[in-house]
Amino acid sequence: IGGATTHVVYGATTRAELVCWAELETLVPRIPGATLHGALADPAEGWDGTHGLVTDAVDAVLSNGDGLDPPAAPDVYLAGPPAMVAAVEDVLLRHGVQRDRLHVDSFG
């Protein structure tokens, strides 16, 4: 999710399913203004990200209003299985992200 800042939101069921999470923790902070957000549906003790679905994390990011005002409307790059993509699209559209700002790769 981009705009005035960049938000990388990544969700999975368990920590083991967050492929390349350690690399993202290293790389995302190198992008000026970028923040990494993780969401786990079944988090282990000690997880400090979102406890829930990736849609919960996206909703939390967008609830602060970051980057939603034109002309800084965000470009959103979204990839994942069809059901997750559809659910995240619904959250994005509900928050006023324009469909023409969505770049989607649905697979699986």
Protein backbone atom coordinates (compact mmCIF):
# COMPACT_ATOMS: atom_id res chain seq x y z
CA ILE A 1 0.00 0.00 0.00
CA GLY A 2 1.67 3.23 -1.06
CA GLY A 3 1.00 6.92 -0.88
CA ALA A 4 2.97 9.46 1.11
CA THR A 5 4.55 6.43 2.75
CA THR A 6 4.91 2.80 1.79
CA HIS A 7 3.30 -0.02 3.72
CA VAL A 8 4.23 -3.62 3.04
CA VAL A 9 1.52 -5.88 4.47
CA TYR A 10 2.10 -9.63 4.54
CA GLY A 11 -0.20 -12.23 6.04
CA ALA A 12 -0.22 -15.97 6.59
CA THR A 13 -1.66 -18.53 8.94
CA THR A 14 1.52 -19.26 10.91
CA ARG A 15 4.96 -17.67 11.25
CA ALA A 16 6.48 -20.57 9.29
CA GLU A 17 4.30 -19.58 6.31
CA LEU A 18 5.69 -16.02 6.15
CA VAL A 19 8.17 -16.90 3.43
CA CYS A 20 11.17 -14.53 3.34
CA TRP A 21 9.96 -12.61 6.43
CA ALA A 22 13.52 -12.16 7.75
CA GLU A 23 14.59 -10.67 4.42
CA LEU A 24 11.62 -8.30 4.44
CA GLU A 25 12.50 -7.20 7.98
CA THR A 26 15.94 -6.25 6.63
CA LEU A 27 14.94 -4.76 3.27
CA VAL A 28 11.73 -2.80 3.96
CA PRO A 29 13.36 -0.39 6.47
CA ARG A 30 15.87 0.55 3.73
CA ILE A 31 13.00 2.12 1.73
CA PRO A 32 12.53 5.70 2.95
CA GLY A 33 9.22 5.97 4.80
CA ALA A 34 8.42 2.26 4.51
CA THR A 35 6.87 0.10 7.23
CA LEU A 36 6.44 -3.67 7.33
CA HIS A 37 3.21 -5.08 8.77
CA GLY A 38 2.65 -8.77 9.42
CA ALA A 39 -0.58 -10.61 10.17
CA LEU A 40 -0.94 -14.17 11.41
CA ALA A 41 -4.26 -15.98 11.69
CA ASP A 42 -2.69 -18.46 14.14
CA PRO A 43 0.16 -16.58 15.83
CA ALA A 44 2.57 -18.18 18.25
CA GLU A 45 3.35 -16.58 21.58
CA GLY A 46 5.59 -13.57 21.11
CA TRP A 47 4.23 -12.47 17.71
CA ASP A 48 4.00 -8.68 17.80
CA GLY A 49 2.20 -8.19 14.50
CA THR A 50 -1.51 -8.33 13.83
CA HIS A 51 -3.34 -11.31 15.31
CA GLY A 52 -5.83 -12.07 12.58
CA LEU A 53 -6.12 -12.05 8.82
CA VAL A 54 -4.19 -9.90 6.37
CA THR A 55 -7.44 -7.97 5.87
CA ASP A 56 -7.25 -6.96 9.55
CA ALA A 57 -3.75 -5.57 9.02
CA VAL A 58 -4.76 -3.72 5.83
CA ASP A 59 -7.80 -2.28 7.59
CA ALA A 60 -5.62 -1.06 10.47
CA VAL A 61 -3.14 0.60 8.09
CA LEU A 62 -5.89 2.33 6.12
CA SER A 63 -7.84 3.35 9.21
CA ASN A 64 -5.16 5.94 9.98
CA GLY A 65 -5.96 7.63 6.64
CA ASP A 66 -2.36 7.50 5.41
CA GLY A 67 -2.14 8.30 1.71
CA LEU A 68 -5.84 8.28 0.88
CA ASP A 69 -6.28 11.92 -0.09
CA PRO A 70 -5.88 12.83 -3.78
CA PRO A 71 -3.51 13.54 -5.39
CA ALA A 72 -1.61 11.15 -3.13
CA ALA A 73 -4.10 8.31 -3.68
CA PRO A 74 -2.21 5.08 -3.16
CA ASP A 75 -1.14 2.57 -5.72
CA VAL A 76 -1.70 -0.88 -4.30
CA TYR A 77 0.15 -3.98 -5.42
CA LEU A 78 -1.68 -7.08 -4.28
CA ALA A 79 -0.70 -10.73 -4.78
CA GLY A 80 -2.01 -13.99 -3.40
CA PRO A 81 -4.70 -16.62 -3.65
CA PRO A 82 -8.04 -15.56 -5.19
CA ALA A 83 -10.07 -15.57 -1.95
CA MET A 84 -7.49 -13.44 -0.11
CA VAL A 85 -7.15 -11.05 -3.03
CA ALA A 86 -10.94 -10.59 -3.20
CA ALA A 87 -11.16 -10.00 0.56
CA VAL A 88 -8.33 -7.43 0.52
CA GLU A 89 -9.85 -5.70 -2.51
CA ASP A 90 -13.11 -5.33 -0.57
CA VAL A 91 -11.26 -3.69 2.35
CA LEU A 92 -9.37 -1.37 0.01
CA LEU A 93 -12.48 -0.28 -1.88
CA ARG A 94 -14.35 0.29 1.40
CA HIS A 95 -11.55 2.65 2.42
CA GLY A 96 -11.87 4.63 -0.80
CA VAL A 97 -8.95 3.21 -2.75
CA GLN A 98 -9.92 3.53 -6.41
CA ARG A 99 -10.06 0.31 -8.43
CA ASP A 100 -7.79 1.83 -11.10
CA ARG A 101 -5.06 2.13 -8.43
CA LEU A 102 -5.07 -1.65 -7.80
CA HIS A 103 -2.46 -3.85 -9.45
CA VAL A 104 -3.41 -7.47 -8.79
CA ASP A 105 -1.79 -10.87 -9.27
CA SER A 106 -4.23 -13.55 -8.15
CA PHE A 107 -2.85 -17.09 -8.18
CA GLY A 108 -3.12 -20.46 -6.52
